[in-house]
């Protein structure tokens, strides 16, 4: 069944966030799935990564948690930056699906700025693997 898969995705960013003086940006991503009511529910938050071209630790999550087993269900990836003051600021977002992530290869995906405009920031799926979870 499609519910019994683990999905592992490794994301890398380019031109993400802004420097605070001499300090590089510290960013993380959050993945949300859309529910039947059209609302986004966060299903994963990454650890912080440093630099404006970050590679975050891989996300490993069951297909049930990520997309209810529907590889064409809309997902939203949001990038947030922690400012020097401690405040969290949205850097940008993009919409995707498990199928898009698994088929995209390494090409960069454009992000939208928080105001909905095209952004110079891009995301790339370094890898996206779908493996069966063995249940006995």
C-alpha atoms as a PDB file:
ATOM      1  CA  UNK A   1       0.000   0.000   0.000  1.00  0.00           C
ATOM      2  CA  UNK A   2       1.083   3.602  -0.566  1.00  0.00           C
ATOM      3  CA  UNK A   3       0.747   4.231   3.183  1.00  0.00           C
ATOM      4  CA  UNK A   4       3.684   1.950   3.923  1.00  0.00           C
ATOM      5  CA  UNK A   5       6.490   3.991   2.394  1.00  0.00           C
ATOM      6  CA  UNK A   6       9.197   6.144   3.876  1.00  0.00           C
ATOM      7  CA  UNK A   7      10.076   9.260   1.935  1.00  0.00           C
ATOM      8  CA  UNK A   8      13.528  10.799   2.340  1.00  0.00           C
ATOM      9  CA  UNK A   9      14.148  14.222   0.814  1.00  0.00           C
ATOM     10  CA  UNK A  10      17.341  16.267   0.929  1.00  0.00           C
ATOM     11  CA  UNK A  11      16.973  19.948   0.048  1.00  0.00           C
ATOM     12  CA  UNK A  12      19.588  22.547  -0.843  1.00  0.00           C
ATOM     13  CA  UNK A  13      18.989  26.268  -1.211  1.00  0.00           C
ATOM     14  CA  UNK A  14      20.611  29.006  -3.257  1.00  0.00           C
ATOM     15  CA  UNK A  15      20.538  32.736  -2.364  1.00  0.00           C
ATOM     16  CA  UNK A  16      18.469  31.976   0.744  1.00  0.00           C
ATOM     17  CA  UNK A  17      18.049  34.622   3.448  1.00  0.00           C
ATOM     18  CA  UNK A  18      20.107  37.733   4.132  1.00  0.00           C
ATOM     19  CA  UNK A  19      23.262  38.372   6.119  1.00  0.00           C
ATOM     20  CA  UNK A  20      22.996  40.167   9.494  1.00  0.00           C
ATOM     21  CA  UNK A  21      26.142  42.295   9.511  1.00  0.00           C
ATOM     22  CA  UNK A  22      28.943  39.724   9.281  1.00  0.00           C
ATOM     23  CA  UNK A  23      26.749  36.782  10.326  1.00  0.00           C
ATOM     24  CA  UNK A  24      25.511  34.359   7.649  1.00  0.00           C
ATOM     25  CA  UNK A  25      21.789  33.547   7.562  1.00  0.00           C
ATOM     26  CA  UNK A  26      20.480  30.671   9.699  1.00  0.00           C
ATOM     27  CA  UNK A  27      17.509  29.045   8.013  1.00  0.00           C
ATOM     28  CA  UNK A  28      15.206  26.047   8.231  1.00  0.00           C
ATOM     29  CA  UNK A  29      12.420  24.662   6.089  1.00  0.00           C
ATOM     30  CA  UNK A  30       8.926  23.531   7.039  1.00  0.00           C
ATOM     31  CA  UNK A  31       6.834  21.176   4.907  1.00  0.00           C
ATOM     32  CA  UNK A  32       3.039  21.392   5.058  1.00  0.00           C
ATOM     33  CA  UNK A  33       0.373  19.239   3.440  1.00  0.00           C
ATOM     34  CA  UNK A  34      -2.979  20.567   2.332  1.00  0.00           C
ATOM     35  CA  UNK A  35      -5.981  18.973   4.039  1.00  0.00           C
ATOM     36  CA  UNK A  36      -9.509  18.396   2.778  1.00  0.00           C
ATOM     37  CA  UNK A  37     -10.577  21.823   4.078  1.00  0.00           C
ATOM     38  CA  UNK A  38      -7.830  23.519   2.021  1.00  0.00           C
ATOM     39  CA  UNK A  39      -5.712  24.402   5.065  1.00  0.00           C
ATOM     40  CA  UNK A  40      -1.978  23.718   5.333  1.00  0.00           C
ATOM     41  CA  UNK A  41      -0.776  21.558   8.234  1.00  0.00           C
ATOM     42  CA  UNK A  42       2.948  21.485   9.071  1.00  0.00           C
ATOM     43  CA  UNK A  43       4.205  17.894   8.994  1.00  0.00           C
ATOM     44  CA  UNK A  44       7.988  18.469   9.251  1.00  0.00           C
ATOM     45  CA  UNK A  45      10.454  21.152  10.375  1.00  0.00           C
ATOM     46  CA  UNK A  46      14.147  20.835   9.578  1.00  0.00           C
ATOM     47  CA  UNK A  47      17.066  21.738  11.813  1.00  0.00           C
ATOM     48  CA  UNK A  48      18.769  25.098  11.229  1.00  0.00           C
ATOM     49  CA  UNK A  49      21.447  25.353   8.544  1.00  0.00           C
ATOM     50  CA  UNK A  50      23.946  28.198   8.115  1.00  0.00           C
ATOM     51  CA  UNK A  51      24.836  30.184   5.040  1.00  0.00           C
ATOM     52  CA  UNK A  52      22.974  31.596   2.056  1.00  0.00           C
ATOM     53  CA  UNK A  53      23.484  28.352   0.064  1.00  0.00           C
ATOM     54  CA  UNK A  54      22.420  25.819   2.720  1.00  0.00           C
ATOM     55  CA  UNK A  55      22.017  22.070   2.465  1.00  0.00           C
ATOM     56  CA  UNK A  56      19.662  20.906   5.192  1.00  0.00           C
ATOM     57  CA  UNK A  57      19.701  17.514   6.892  1.00  0.00           C
ATOM     58  CA  UNK A  58      17.465  15.036   5.042  1.00  0.00           C
ATOM     59  CA  UNK A  59      13.784  14.837   5.990  1.00  0.00           C
ATOM     60  CA  UNK A  60      12.612  11.266   6.619  1.00  0.00           C
ATOM     61  CA  UNK A  61       8.876  10.827   6.999  1.00  0.00           C
ATOM     62  CA  UNK A  62       6.203   8.230   6.289  1.00  0.00           C
ATOM     63  CA  UNK A  63       4.051   8.756   3.200  1.00  0.00           C
ATOM     64  CA  UNK A  64       0.986   8.629   5.473  1.00  0.00           C
ATOM     65  CA  UNK A  65       2.254  11.590   7.521  1.00  0.00           C
ATOM     66  CA  UNK A  66       3.565  13.567   4.550  1.00  0.00           C
ATOM     67  CA  UNK A  67       0.781  13.219   1.988  1.00  0.00           C
ATOM     68  CA  UNK A  68      -1.787  10.651   3.219  1.00  0.00           C
ATOM     69  CA  UNK A  69      -0.284   8.239   0.681  1.00  0.00           C
ATOM     70  CA  UNK A  70      -1.275  10.532  -2.228  1.00  0.00           C
ATOM     71  CA  UNK A  71       1.904  11.380  -4.159  1.00  0.00           C
ATOM     72  CA  UNK A  72       0.040  14.129  -6.063  1.00  0.00           C
ATOM     73  CA  UNK A  73      -1.263  15.873  -2.912  1.00  0.00           C
ATOM     74  CA  UNK A  74      -0.148  19.503  -2.793  1.00  0.00           C
ATOM     75  CA  UNK A  75       2.710  20.226  -0.389  1.00  0.00           C
ATOM     76  CA  UNK A  76       4.116  23.610   0.572  1.00  0.00           C
ATOM     77  CA  UNK A  77       7.753  24.189   1.488  1.00  0.00           C
ATOM     78  CA  UNK A  78       8.389  27.372   3.494  1.00  0.00           C
ATOM     79  CA  UNK A  79      11.850  28.698   4.321  1.00  0.00           C
ATOM     80  CA  UNK A  80      12.327  30.704   7.516  1.00  0.00           C
ATOM     81  CA  UNK A  81      15.342  32.687   8.713  1.00  0.00           C
ATOM     82  CA  UNK A  82      16.216  33.314  12.357  1.00  0.00           C
ATOM     83  CA  UNK A  83      17.373  36.920  12.619  1.00  0.00           C
ATOM     84  CA  UNK A  84      20.092  38.115  15.027  1.00  0.00           C
ATOM     85  CA  UNK A  85      17.292  39.418  17.297  1.00  0.00           C
ATOM     86  CA  UNK A  86      15.858  35.887  17.477  1.00  0.00           C
ATOM     87  CA  UNK A  87      12.821  36.752  15.346  1.00  0.00           C
ATOM     88  CA  UNK A  88      11.749  34.284  12.647  1.00  0.00           C
ATOM     89  CA  UNK A  89      11.145  35.749   9.189  1.00  0.00           C
ATOM     90  CA  UNK A  90       9.649  34.041   6.132  1.00  0.00           C
ATOM     91  CA  UNK A  91      12.152  33.983   3.258  1.00  0.00           C
ATOM     92  CA  UNK A  92       9.944  32.329   0.650  1.00  0.00           C
ATOM     93  CA  UNK A  93       7.885  29.306  -0.307  1.00  0.00           C
ATOM     94  CA  UNK A  94       7.032  26.940  -3.133  1.00  0.00           C
ATOM     95  CA  UNK A  95       4.379  24.350  -3.925  1.00  0.00           C
ATOM     96  CA  UNK A  96       5.261  20.792  -4.902  1.00  0.00           C
ATOM     97  CA  UNK A  97       4.166  17.149  -4.660  1.00  0.00           C
ATOM     98  CA  UNK A  98       6.013  13.929  -3.846  1.00  0.00           C
ATOM     99  CA  UNK A  99       5.844  12.997  -7.544  1.00  0.00           C
ATOM    100  CA  UNK A 100       7.369  16.345  -8.578  1.00  0.00           C
ATOM    101  CA  UNK A 101      10.149  15.996  -5.999  1.00  0.00           C
ATOM    102  CA  UNK A 102      10.995  12.458  -7.078  1.00  0.00           C
ATOM    103  CA  UNK A 103      11.075  13.353 -10.799  1.00  0.00           C
ATOM    104  CA  UNK A 104      12.748  16.769 -10.735  1.00  0.00           C
ATOM    105  CA  UNK A 105      16.382  15.675 -10.763  1.00  0.00           C
ATOM    106  CA  UNK A 106      18.804  18.348  -9.630  1.00  0.00           C
ATOM    107  CA  UNK A 107      17.398  21.406 -11.394  1.00  0.00           C
ATOM    108  CA  UNK A 108      16.700  24.479  -9.304  1.00  0.00           C
ATOM    109  CA  UNK A 109      13.075  25.256  -8.456  1.00  0.00           C
ATOM    110  CA  UNK A 110      12.055  28.917  -8.256  1.00  0.00           C
ATOM    111  CA  UNK A 111      10.606  30.158  -4.978  1.00  0.00           C
ATOM    112  CA  UNK A 112       8.068  32.890  -4.343  1.00  0.00           C
ATOM    113  CA  UNK A 113       8.885  35.717  -1.956  1.00  0.00           C
ATOM    114  CA  UNK A 114       6.582  36.249   1.072  1.00  0.00           C
ATOM    115  CA  UNK A 115       4.699  38.866  -1.011  1.00  0.00           C
ATOM    116  CA  UNK A 116       4.042  36.314  -3.780  1.00  0.00           C
ATOM    117  CA  UNK A 117       6.557  37.786  -6.252  1.00  0.00           C
ATOM    118  CA  UNK A 118       9.223  35.759  -8.038  1.00  0.00           C
ATOM    119  CA  UNK A 119      12.303  35.466  -5.829  1.00  0.00           C
ATOM    120  CA  UNK A 120      16.028  35.109  -6.524  1.00  0.00           C
ATOM    121  CA  UNK A 121      16.010  32.251  -4.002  1.00  0.00           C
ATOM    122  CA  UNK A 122      15.862  28.717  -5.379  1.00  0.00           C
ATOM    123  CA  UNK A 123      15.514  25.223  -3.937  1.00  0.00           C
ATOM    124  CA  UNK A 124      16.893  21.995  -5.320  1.00  0.00           C
ATOM    125  CA  UNK A 125      15.962  18.428  -4.439  1.00  0.00           C
ATOM    126  CA  UNK A 126      19.399  16.884  -3.894  1.00  0.00           C
ATOM    127  CA  UNK A 127      17.654  13.537  -3.500  1.00  0.00           C
ATOM    128  CA  UNK A 128      14.164  12.120  -3.034  1.00  0.00           C
ATOM    129  CA  UNK A 129      13.805   8.413  -2.353  1.00  0.00           C
ATOM    130  CA  UNK A 130      10.701   6.360  -1.631  1.00  0.00           C
ATOM    131  CA  UNK A 131      11.326   3.066   0.162  1.00  0.00           C
ATOM    132  CA  UNK A 132       8.803   0.490   1.401  1.00  0.00           C
ATOM    133  CA  UNK A 133       8.440   0.166   5.173  1.00  0.00           C
ATOM    134  CA  UNK A 134       8.465  -3.540   5.935  1.00  0.00           C
ATOM    135  CA  UNK A 135       5.716  -4.558   8.336  1.00  0.00           C
ATOM    136  CA  UNK A 136       5.452  -8.162   9.397  1.00  0.00           C
END
